[in-house]
Amino acid sequence: MQSRSQTIFERLQLPVTGLLVAFFLNGCQTTQSQDQAAVLAARLARKEAILSEEPGNYYIGRRYHVEPTRYWGYLRSPGKGWETARLVIMNESIKQVLGRSHVENQGEELRESTDHNFEYRITGHYSGREAYDPTANMILPEFVLQEYELIDTDPGWLFDPLEISRGASSAIPDPDDPVSGTR
């Protein structure tokens, strides 16, 4: 035989559990909207920085190093967004390609370092040829490097942080897109 207090507890258990779940889910929504606001602010700042780049006969390059591939990274024209960038293989006939691994002395410890995600000002031209990267199984445009200058060692994300892959729609609206959440 059940006591009266057990019956009341059992009747209240489901509604109380539902309220607790709703409370915690509501807290998650607040965090998500704060994250969305932060990403949107970062998008706007990045757009402003790109639009303020000086026009000229150079490219902005972002090293995108993935072992064991042979491609160098992405190049875009100044003032154009990263969605216009092209993944390239560098031709080293004039200048040795930047971004080779090197060893740094960290006090007593030596460690291998790369320039993955570093941003550069690149001078050169597209050769008009394509090159095959067998490790990535990709045919990519060949770029003849003439000169480079390091711009930033920590420029932030290359692609939108909420994209799963390039071209995927994002949960956060693009400030350039009049249709919210699409690309």
N, C-alpha and C. Protein backbone atom coordinates (compact mmCIF):
# COMPACT_ATOMS: atom_id res chain seq x y z
N MET A 1 0.83 -1.17 0.00
CA MET A 1 0.00 0.00 0.00
C MET A 1 0.88 1.25 0.00
N GLN A 2 0.52 2.17 -0.91
CA GLN A 2 1.31 3.39 -1.03
C GLN A 2 0.85 4.43 -0.01
N SER A 3 1.80 5.14 0.52
CA SER A 3 1.44 6.21 1.42
C SER A 3 1.01 7.43 0.61
N ARG A 4 0.36 8.33 1.24
CA ARG A 4 -0.12 9.53 0.58
C ARG A 4 1.03 10.39 0.07
N SER A 5 2.14 10.48 0.81
CA SER A 5 3.29 11.29 0.38
C SER A 5 3.95 10.71 -0.87
N GLN A 6 3.98 9.38 -1.00
CA GLN A 6 4.55 8.78 -2.22
C GLN A 6 3.70 9.11 -3.43
N THR A 7 2.39 9.08 -3.31
CA THR A 7 1.50 9.37 -4.42
C THR A 7 1.66 10.81 -4.89
N ILE A 8 1.74 11.75 -3.98
CA ILE A 8 1.94 13.16 -4.33
C ILE A 8 3.29 13.33 -5.02
N PHE A 9 4.31 12.68 -4.50
CA PHE A 9 5.64 12.76 -5.12
C PHE A 9 5.62 12.23 -6.55
N GLU A 10 4.99 11.09 -6.74
CA GLU A 10 4.94 10.50 -8.08
C GLU A 10 4.17 11.40 -9.04
N ARG A 11 3.12 12.06 -8.58
CA ARG A 11 2.34 12.94 -9.44
C ARG A 11 3.12 14.21 -9.78
N LEU A 12 3.97 14.67 -8.90
CA LEU A 12 4.74 15.89 -9.15
C LEU A 12 6.06 15.63 -9.88
N GLN A 13 6.52 14.40 -9.90
CA GLN A 13 7.83 14.08 -10.46
C GLN A 13 7.93 14.48 -11.94
N LEU A 14 6.97 14.12 -12.77
CA LEU A 14 7.02 14.44 -14.19
C LEU A 14 6.97 15.94 -14.45
N PRO A 15 6.03 16.70 -13.85
CA PRO A 15 6.03 18.15 -14.11
C PRO A 15 7.30 18.84 -13.62
N VAL A 16 7.82 18.44 -12.48
CA VAL A 16 9.05 19.06 -11.96
C VAL A 16 10.22 18.76 -12.89
N THR A 17 10.32 17.53 -13.36
CA THR A 17 11.38 17.15 -14.30
C THR A 17 11.26 17.97 -15.58
N GLY A 18 10.04 18.13 -16.08
CA GLY A 18 9.81 18.93 -17.29
C GLY A 18 10.25 20.37 -17.10
N LEU A 19 9.95 20.96 -15.95
CA LEU A 19 10.35 22.33 -15.68
C LEU A 19 11.88 22.46 -15.62
N LEU A 20 12.53 21.50 -14.98
CA LEU A 20 13.99 21.53 -14.91
C LEU A 20 14.62 21.43 -16.30
N VAL A 21 14.10 20.53 -17.13
CA VAL A 21 14.63 20.39 -18.49
C VAL A 21 14.43 21.68 -19.26
N ALA A 22 13.24 22.28 -19.17
CA ALA A 22 12.97 23.54 -19.87
C ALA A 22 13.89 24.65 -19.39
N PHE A 23 14.14 24.70 -18.09
CA PHE A 23 15.03 25.71 -17.53
C PHE A 23 16.44 25.59 -18.09
N PHE A 24 16.98 24.37 -18.11
CA PHE A 24 18.34 24.17 -18.58
C PHE A 24 18.45 24.37 -20.09
N LEU A 25 17.46 23.97 -20.84
CA LEU A 25 17.49 24.19 -22.28
C LEU A 25 17.42 25.67 -22.61
N ASN A 26 16.65 26.42 -21.83
CA ASN A 26 16.57 27.85 -22.03
C ASN A 26 17.93 28.49 -21.80
N GLY A 27 18.68 28.00 -20.81
CA GLY A 27 20.04 28.49 -20.56
C GLY A 27 20.95 28.20 -21.73
N CYS A 28 20.78 27.06 -22.38
CA CYS A 28 21.59 26.73 -23.56
C CYS A 28 21.30 27.68 -24.70
N GLN A 29 20.04 28.07 -24.85
CA GLN A 29 19.68 28.99 -25.93
C GLN A 29 20.35 30.34 -25.74
N THR A 30 20.44 30.80 -24.51
CA THR A 30 21.09 32.07 -24.23
C THR A 30 22.56 31.99 -24.64
N THR A 31 23.23 30.91 -24.29
CA THR A 31 24.63 30.73 -24.67
C THR A 31 24.77 30.70 -26.18
N GLN A 32 23.86 29.99 -26.85
CA GLN A 32 23.93 29.90 -28.31
C GLN A 32 23.74 31.28 -28.93
N SER A 33 22.79 32.08 -28.44
CA SER A 33 22.59 33.39 -29.03
C SER A 33 23.77 34.32 -28.74
N GLN A 34 24.42 34.14 -27.59
CA GLN A 34 25.62 34.91 -27.30
C GLN A 34 26.75 34.52 -28.26
N ASP A 35 26.88 33.21 -28.52
CA ASP A 35 27.88 32.74 -29.47
C ASP A 35 27.60 33.30 -30.86
N GLN A 36 26.32 33.30 -31.26
CA GLN A 36 25.95 33.83 -32.56
C GLN A 36 26.29 35.30 -32.66
N ALA A 37 26.03 36.06 -31.61
CA ALA A 37 26.34 37.48 -31.61
C ALA A 37 27.85 37.71 -31.73
N ALA A 38 28.64 36.89 -31.04
CA ALA A 38 30.09 37.02 -31.10
C ALA A 38 30.61 36.70 -32.50
N VAL A 39 30.08 35.64 -33.12
CA VAL A 39 30.51 35.27 -34.46
C VAL A 39 30.09 36.34 -35.47
N LEU A 40 28.88 36.87 -35.31
CA LEU A 40 28.42 37.92 -36.22
C LEU A 40 29.30 39.17 -36.08
N ALA A 41 29.67 39.53 -34.86
CA ALA A 41 30.57 40.67 -34.65
C ALA A 41 31.93 40.41 -35.29
N ALA A 42 32.44 39.18 -35.15
CA ALA A 42 33.72 38.83 -35.77
C ALA A 42 33.62 38.88 -37.29
N ARG A 43 32.50 38.42 -37.84
CA ARG A 43 32.29 38.48 -39.29
C ARG A 43 32.33 39.92 -39.79
N LEU A 44 31.63 40.80 -39.07
CA LEU A 44 31.59 42.21 -39.47
C LEU A 44 32.98 42.86 -39.39
N ALA A 45 33.71 42.57 -38.31
CA ALA A 45 35.06 43.13 -38.17
C ALA A 45 35.97 42.62 -39.28
N ARG A 46 35.85 41.34 -39.60
CA ARG A 46 36.67 40.75 -40.66
C ARG A 46 36.33 41.36 -42.01
N LYS A 47 35.03 41.56 -42.27
CA LYS A 47 34.60 42.17 -43.53
C LYS A 47 35.17 43.58 -43.67
N GLU A 48 35.10 44.36 -42.58
CA GLU A 48 35.63 45.72 -42.60
C GLU A 48 37.14 45.72 -42.86
N ALA A 49 37.86 44.80 -42.24
CA ALA A 49 39.31 44.72 -42.43
C ALA A 49 39.65 44.38 -43.88
N ILE A 50 38.92 43.45 -44.46
CA ILE A 50 39.16 43.05 -45.86
C ILE A 50 38.84 44.20 -46.80
N LEU A 51 37.73 44.90 -46.56
CA LEU A 51 37.35 46.01 -47.43
C LEU A 51 38.34 47.18 -47.33
N SER A 52 39.05 47.28 -46.21
CA SER A 52 40.01 48.38 -46.04
C SER A 52 41.40 48.06 -46.63
N GLU A 53 41.58 46.85 -47.18
CA GLU A 53 42.88 46.50 -47.76
C GLU A 53 43.18 47.36 -48.98
N GLU A 54 44.43 47.74 -49.08
CA GLU A 54 44.88 48.58 -50.20
C GLU A 54 44.85 47.77 -51.50
N PRO A 55 44.18 48.30 -52.54
CA PRO A 55 44.20 47.57 -53.82
C PRO A 55 45.62 47.52 -54.38
N GLY A 56 45.90 46.52 -55.19
CA GLY A 56 47.22 46.42 -55.77
C GLY A 56 47.45 45.11 -56.48
N ASN A 57 48.65 44.96 -56.99
CA ASN A 57 49.04 43.77 -57.74
C ASN A 57 49.70 42.77 -56.79
N TYR A 58 48.93 42.27 -55.87
CA TYR A 58 49.40 41.28 -54.90
C TYR A 58 48.21 40.43 -54.47
N TYR A 59 48.47 39.43 -53.67
CA TYR A 59 47.42 38.56 -53.14
C TYR A 59 47.59 38.45 -51.64
N ILE A 60 46.50 38.11 -50.97
CA ILE A 60 46.56 37.76 -49.56
C ILE A 60 46.54 36.23 -49.52
N GLY A 61 47.53 35.66 -48.86
CA GLY A 61 47.64 34.21 -48.80
C GLY A 61 47.49 33.71 -47.39
N ARG A 62 46.79 32.61 -47.24
CA ARG A 62 46.66 31.96 -45.94
C ARG A 62 47.20 30.55 -46.08
N ARG A 63 48.26 30.27 -45.34
CA ARG A 63 48.85 28.94 -45.36
C ARG A 63 47.86 27.96 -44.78
N TYR A 64 47.62 26.88 -45.50
CA TYR A 64 46.70 25.84 -45.06
C TYR A 64 47.43 24.52 -45.20
N HIS A 65 48.11 24.13 -44.12
CA HIS A 65 49.00 22.98 -44.15
C HIS A 65 48.33 21.75 -43.57
N VAL A 66 48.19 20.72 -44.40
CA VAL A 66 47.64 19.44 -43.96
C VAL A 66 48.60 18.35 -44.44
N GLU A 67 49.20 17.63 -43.51
CA GLU A 67 50.09 16.53 -43.89
C GLU A 67 49.30 15.44 -44.57
N PRO A 68 49.76 14.80 -45.57
CA PRO A 68 51.01 14.97 -46.30
C PRO A 68 50.80 15.71 -47.63
N THR A 69 49.78 16.55 -47.71
CA THR A 69 49.46 17.21 -48.98
C THR A 69 50.59 18.12 -49.45
N ARG A 70 50.54 18.44 -50.74
CA ARG A 70 51.58 19.29 -51.34
C ARG A 70 51.06 20.67 -51.70
N TYR A 71 49.76 20.90 -51.53
CA TYR A 71 49.28 22.26 -51.83
C TYR A 71 49.77 23.21 -50.75
N TRP A 72 49.80 24.51 -51.11
CA TRP A 72 50.33 25.50 -50.18
C TRP A 72 49.25 26.07 -49.27
N GLY A 73 48.17 26.54 -49.87
CA GLY A 73 47.11 27.18 -49.10
C GLY A 73 46.22 27.99 -50.03
N TYR A 74 45.55 28.98 -49.47
CA TYR A 74 44.56 29.78 -50.20
C TYR A 74 45.10 31.16 -50.54
N LEU A 75 44.76 31.64 -51.74
CA LEU A 75 45.09 32.99 -52.18
C LEU A 75 43.81 33.71 -52.58
N ARG A 76 43.74 34.98 -52.22
CA ARG A 76 42.62 35.83 -52.65
C ARG A 76 43.16 37.21 -53.01
N SER A 77 42.41 37.93 -53.81
CA SER A 77 42.78 39.29 -54.16
C SER A 77 42.47 40.22 -53.00
N PRO A 78 43.22 41.33 -52.86
CA PRO A 78 42.93 42.27 -51.77
C PRO A 78 41.53 42.86 -51.94
N GLY A 79 40.84 43.02 -50.83
CA GLY A 79 39.49 43.58 -50.86
C GLY A 79 38.40 42.56 -51.15
N LYS A 80 38.78 41.33 -51.46
CA LYS A 80 37.81 40.26 -51.75
C LYS A 80 37.79 39.29 -50.57
N GLY A 81 36.63 38.72 -50.29
CA GLY A 81 36.48 37.81 -49.15
C GLY A 81 37.12 36.45 -49.40
N TRP A 82 37.26 35.67 -48.35
CA TRP A 82 37.87 34.35 -48.44
C TRP A 82 37.04 33.38 -49.27
N GLU A 83 35.74 33.68 -49.45
CA GLU A 83 34.92 32.80 -50.29
C GLU A 83 35.38 32.84 -51.75
N THR A 84 36.18 33.84 -52.12
CA THR A 84 36.72 33.94 -53.49
C THR A 84 38.11 33.31 -53.61
N ALA A 85 38.68 32.89 -52.50
CA ALA A 85 40.06 32.37 -52.50
C ALA A 85 40.15 31.05 -53.26
N ARG A 86 41.37 30.81 -53.77
CA ARG A 86 41.65 29.56 -54.49
C ARG A 86 42.76 28.81 -53.78
N LEU A 87 42.56 27.51 -53.63
CA LEU A 87 43.58 26.63 -53.09
C LEU A 87 44.62 26.43 -54.19
N VAL A 88 45.91 26.63 -53.89
CA VAL A 88 46.94 26.61 -54.93
C VAL A 88 48.12 25.71 -54.57
N ILE A 89 48.84 25.33 -55.62
CA ILE A 89 50.14 24.70 -55.47
C ILE A 89 51.16 25.75 -55.93
N MET A 90 52.18 25.98 -55.12
CA MET A 90 53.19 27.00 -55.44
C MET A 90 54.26 26.42 -56.36
N ASN A 91 54.62 27.21 -57.36
CA ASN A 91 55.73 26.91 -58.25
C ASN A 91 56.95 27.61 -57.64
N GLU A 92 58.03 26.86 -57.40
CA GLU A 92 59.21 27.39 -56.72
C GLU A 92 60.34 27.77 -57.67
N SER A 93 60.04 27.99 -58.94
CA SER A 93 61.11 28.27 -59.90
C SER A 93 61.79 29.62 -59.67
N ILE A 94 61.10 30.60 -59.08
CA ILE A 94 61.68 31.92 -58.84
C ILE A 94 62.07 32.10 -57.37
N LYS A 95 61.19 31.69 -56.48
CA LYS A 95 61.40 31.87 -55.04
C LYS A 95 61.00 30.58 -54.35
N GLN A 96 61.80 30.16 -53.37
CA GLN A 96 61.46 28.94 -52.63
C GLN A 96 60.18 29.18 -51.84
N VAL A 97 59.34 28.18 -51.85
CA VAL A 97 58.05 28.30 -51.19
C VAL A 97 58.22 28.50 -49.69
N LEU A 98 57.40 29.39 -49.15
CA LEU A 98 57.42 29.61 -47.72
C LEU A 98 56.61 28.53 -47.04
N GLY A 99 56.74 28.42 -45.76
CA GLY A 99 55.92 27.48 -45.02
C GLY A 99 56.54 26.12 -44.83
N ARG A 100 57.80 25.98 -45.09
CA ARG A 100 58.45 24.69 -44.80
C ARG A 100 58.54 24.54 -43.28
N SER A 101 58.47 23.31 -42.84
CA SER A 101 58.64 23.07 -41.40
C SER A 101 60.04 23.49 -40.99
N HIS A 102 60.16 23.98 -39.79
CA HIS A 102 61.46 24.35 -39.26
C HIS A 102 61.50 23.99 -37.78
N VAL A 103 62.70 23.93 -37.25
CA VAL A 103 62.87 23.56 -35.85
C VAL A 103 63.16 24.81 -35.06
N GLU A 104 62.43 25.00 -33.96
CA GLU A 104 62.64 26.14 -33.08
C GLU A 104 63.25 25.67 -31.78
N ASN A 105 64.12 26.48 -31.24
CA ASN A 105 64.73 26.18 -29.96
C ASN A 105 63.89 26.83 -28.87
N GLN A 106 63.24 26.02 -28.06
CA GLN A 106 62.42 26.50 -26.95
C GLN A 106 63.17 26.21 -25.65
N GLY A 107 64.17 27.01 -25.36
CA GLY A 107 64.99 26.77 -24.17
C GLY A 107 65.80 25.50 -24.38
N GLU A 108 65.58 24.50 -23.58
CA GLU A 108 66.28 23.22 -23.68
C GLU A 108 65.63 22.30 -24.72
N GLU A 109 64.40 22.64 -25.13
CA GLU A 109 63.62 21.73 -25.97
C GLU A 109 63.57 22.23 -27.42
N LEU A 110 63.77 21.31 -28.37
CA LEU A 110 63.59 21.62 -29.78
C LEU A 110 62.21 21.13 -30.20
N ARG A 111 61.50 21.94 -30.97
CA ARG A 111 60.20 21.49 -31.45
C ARG A 111 60.03 21.90 -32.90
N GLU A 112 59.30 21.05 -33.65
CA GLU A 112 59.02 21.36 -35.04
C GLU A 112 57.86 22.34 -35.10
N SER A 113 57.97 23.31 -35.99
CA SER A 113 56.94 24.32 -36.12
C SER A 113 56.62 24.52 -37.58
N THR A 114 55.40 24.88 -37.87
CA THR A 114 55.00 25.23 -39.23
C THR A 114 54.30 26.57 -39.19
N ASP A 115 54.02 27.09 -40.37
CA ASP A 115 53.31 28.37 -40.44
C ASP A 115 51.84 28.17 -40.79
N HIS A 116 51.28 27.03 -40.39
CA HIS A 116 49.86 26.77 -40.66
C HIS A 116 49.01 27.93 -40.15
N ASN A 117 48.14 28.41 -41.00
CA ASN A 117 47.19 29.49 -40.73
C ASN A 117 47.84 30.87 -40.64
N PHE A 118 49.12 31.02 -40.97
CA PHE A 118 49.73 32.34 -41.03
C PHE A 118 49.20 33.05 -42.27
N GLU A 119 49.15 34.37 -42.20
CA GLU A 119 48.66 35.16 -43.34
C GLU A 119 49.82 35.95 -43.94
N TYR A 120 49.88 35.96 -45.28
CA TYR A 120 50.98 36.58 -46.01
C TYR A 120 50.46 37.54 -47.08
N ARG A 121 51.30 38.50 -47.41
CA ARG A 121 51.11 39.32 -48.61
C ARG A 121 52.00 38.65 -49.66
N ILE A 122 51.38 38.18 -50.75
CA ILE A 122 52.06 37.37 -51.76
C ILE A 122 52.13 38.12 -53.08
N THR A 123 53.30 38.14 -53.69
CA THR A 123 53.46 38.70 -55.03
C THR A 123 53.83 37.56 -55.97
N GLY A 124 53.20 37.57 -57.14
CA GLY A 124 53.44 36.53 -58.13
C GLY A 124 52.30 36.50 -59.11
N HIS A 125 52.16 35.38 -59.81
CA HIS A 125 51.09 35.27 -60.80
C HIS A 125 50.69 33.81 -60.99
N TYR A 126 49.46 33.63 -61.46
CA TYR A 126 49.00 32.30 -61.83
C TYR A 126 49.64 31.96 -63.17
N SER A 127 50.18 30.77 -63.29
CA SER A 127 50.88 30.37 -64.51
C SER A 127 49.92 30.00 -65.63
N GLY A 128 48.68 29.73 -65.29
CA GLY A 128 47.73 29.24 -66.29
C GLY A 128 47.74 27.73 -66.39
N ARG A 129 48.65 27.10 -65.67
CA ARG A 129 48.73 25.63 -65.66
C ARG A 129 48.08 25.10 -64.39
N GLU A 130 47.78 23.83 -64.43
CA GLU A 130 47.26 23.14 -63.25
C GLU A 130 48.28 22.10 -62.82
N ALA A 131 48.29 21.80 -61.54
CA ALA A 131 49.21 20.80 -61.00
C ALA A 131 48.40 19.79 -60.21
N TYR A 132 48.87 18.55 -60.24
CA TYR A 132 48.18 17.48 -59.55
C TYR A 132 48.86 17.20 -58.21
N ASP A 133 48.09 17.17 -57.15
CA ASP A 133 48.59 16.78 -55.84
C ASP A 133 48.09 15.37 -55.58
N PRO A 134 48.97 14.37 -55.73
CA PRO A 134 48.51 12.98 -55.57
C PRO A 134 48.09 12.63 -54.15
N THR A 135 48.63 13.32 -53.15
CA THR A 135 48.26 13.01 -51.77
C THR A 135 46.87 13.53 -51.43
N ALA A 136 46.43 14.56 -52.12
CA ALA A 136 45.08 15.09 -51.90
C ALA A 136 44.13 14.66 -53.01
N ASN A 137 44.70 14.06 -54.08
CA ASN A 137 43.92 13.67 -55.26
C ASN A 137 43.16 14.86 -55.82
N MET A 138 43.89 15.98 -55.98
CA MET A 138 43.28 17.22 -56.47
C MET A 138 44.11 17.82 -57.58
N ILE A 139 43.45 18.39 -58.56
CA ILE A 139 44.12 19.19 -59.59
C ILE A 139 43.85 20.64 -59.23
N LEU A 140 44.93 21.39 -59.02
CA LEU A 140 44.83 22.76 -58.51
C LEU A 140 45.59 23.73 -59.39
N PRO A 141 45.22 25.02 -59.36
CA PRO A 141 45.97 26.01 -60.12
C PRO A 141 47.39 26.17 -59.58
N GLU A 142 48.31 26.42 -60.49
CA GLU A 142 49.71 26.64 -60.12
C GLU A 142 49.95 28.14 -60.01
N PHE A 143 50.58 28.54 -58.92
CA PHE A 143 50.91 29.94 -58.68
C PHE A 143 52.42 30.09 -58.62
N VAL A 144 52.98 31.02 -59.38
CA VAL A 144 54.42 31.26 -59.41
C VAL A 144 54.73 32.35 -58.37
N LEU A 145 55.37 31.95 -57.29
CA LEU A 145 55.70 32.85 -56.19
C LEU A 145 56.91 33.70 -56.55
N GLN A 146 56.78 35.02 -56.37
CA GLN A 146 57.92 35.91 -56.60
C GLN A 146 58.42 36.51 -55.29
N GLU A 147 57.52 36.86 -54.39
CA GLU A 147 57.92 37.45 -53.11
C GLU A 147 56.78 37.26 -52.11
N TYR A 148 57.13 37.32 -50.82
CA TYR A 148 56.11 37.23 -49.77
C TYR A 148 56.54 38.03 -48.57
N GLU A 149 55.54 38.42 -47.78
CA GLU A 149 55.77 39.15 -46.54
C GLU A 149 54.76 38.65 -45.52
N LEU A 150 55.23 38.28 -44.35
CA LEU A 150 54.35 37.81 -43.28
C LEU A 150 53.52 38.99 -42.77
N ILE A 151 52.20 38.79 -42.72
CA ILE A 151 51.29 39.83 -42.22
C ILE A 151 50.89 39.54 -40.77
N ASP A 152 50.51 38.28 -40.51
CA ASP A 152 49.94 37.95 -39.20
C ASP A 152 50.17 36.47 -38.90
N THR A 153 50.60 36.17 -37.67
CA THR A 153 50.79 34.78 -37.26
C THR A 153 49.55 34.19 -36.59
N ASP A 154 48.56 35.02 -36.30
CA ASP A 154 47.33 34.55 -35.66
C ASP A 154 46.14 35.35 -36.18
N PRO A 155 45.79 35.16 -37.47
CA PRO A 155 44.75 35.99 -38.08
C PRO A 155 43.31 35.54 -37.80
N GLY A 156 43.13 34.52 -37.02
CA GLY A 156 41.76 34.04 -36.78
C GLY A 156 41.37 32.96 -37.78
N TRP A 157 40.09 32.68 -37.84
CA TRP A 157 39.61 31.59 -38.68
C TRP A 157 39.65 31.95 -40.16
N LEU A 158 39.93 30.93 -40.96
CA LEU A 158 39.93 31.10 -42.42
C LEU A 158 38.51 31.03 -42.96
N PHE A 159 37.77 30.03 -42.53
CA PHE A 159 36.38 29.87 -42.93
C PHE A 159 35.51 30.09 -41.71
N ASP A 160 34.27 30.37 -41.94
CA ASP A 160 33.32 30.63 -40.87
C ASP A 160 33.38 29.49 -39.84
N PRO A 161 33.46 29.81 -38.55
CA PRO A 161 33.64 28.76 -37.54
C PRO A 161 32.47 27.79 -37.43
N LEU A 162 31.30 28.15 -37.92
CA LEU A 162 30.16 27.25 -37.81
C LEU A 162 29.91 26.46 -39.09
N GLU A 163 30.74 26.65 -40.10
CA GLU A 163 30.59 25.87 -41.31
C GLU A 163 31.21 24.50 -41.11
N ILE A 164 30.55 23.48 -41.60
CA ILE A 164 31.13 22.14 -41.55
C ILE A 164 32.08 21.99 -42.71
N SER A 165 31.68 22.49 -43.86
CA SER A 165 32.54 22.48 -45.03
C SER A 165 32.27 23.73 -45.82
N ARG A 166 33.18 24.07 -46.69
CA ARG A 166 33.03 25.28 -47.49
C ARG A 166 31.74 25.19 -48.30
N GLY A 167 30.94 26.21 -48.24
CA GLY A 167 29.70 26.24 -48.98
C GLY A 167 28.50 25.78 -48.19
N ALA A 168 28.71 25.24 -46.99
CA ALA A 168 27.58 24.81 -46.17
C ALA A 168 26.88 26.02 -45.60
N SER A 169 25.58 25.94 -45.42
CA SER A 169 24.88 27.08 -44.85
C SER A 169 25.17 27.16 -43.37
N SER A 170 25.10 28.35 -42.85
CA SER A 170 25.45 28.60 -41.47
C SER A 170 24.21 28.92 -40.65
N ALA A 171 24.27 28.65 -39.38
CA ALA A 171 23.15 28.98 -38.49
C ALA A 171 23.13 30.46 -38.17
N ILE A 172 24.23 31.16 -38.44
CA ILE A 172 24.32 32.59 -38.14
C ILE A 172 24.20 33.35 -39.45
N PRO A 173 23.34 34.36 -39.53
CA PRO A 173 23.16 35.06 -40.78
C PRO A 173 24.42 35.79 -41.24
N ASP A 174 24.65 35.77 -42.54
CA ASP A 174 25.75 36.48 -43.16
C ASP A 174 25.33 37.93 -43.35
N PRO A 175 26.14 38.92 -42.93
CA PRO A 175 25.73 40.32 -43.06
C PRO A 175 25.54 40.74 -44.52
N ASP A 176 26.13 40.02 -45.47
CA ASP A 176 25.98 40.35 -46.89
C ASP A 176 24.77 39.66 -47.52
N ASP A 177 24.17 38.73 -46.81
CA ASP A 177 23.10 37.91 -47.38
C ASP A 177 21.76 38.41 -46.89
N PRO A 178 20.90 38.88 -47.81
CA PRO A 178 19.60 39.38 -47.37
C PRO A 178 18.68 38.28 -46.86
N VAL A 179 18.93 37.03 -47.24
CA VAL A 179 18.13 35.92 -46.77
C VAL A 179 18.87 35.30 -45.60
N SER A 180 18.34 35.47 -44.40
CA SER A 180 19.02 35.04 -43.19
C SER A 180 19.34 33.55 -43.20
N GLY A 181 20.59 33.22 -42.84
CA GLY A 181 21.00 31.84 -42.67
C GLY A 181 21.33 31.09 -43.94
N THR A 182 21.36 31.75 -45.08
CA THR A 182 21.71 31.06 -46.32
C THR A 182 22.95 31.66 -46.90
N ARG A 183 23.56 30.95 -47.81
CA ARG A 183 24.77 31.44 -48.45
C ARG A 183 24.72 31.16 -49.90
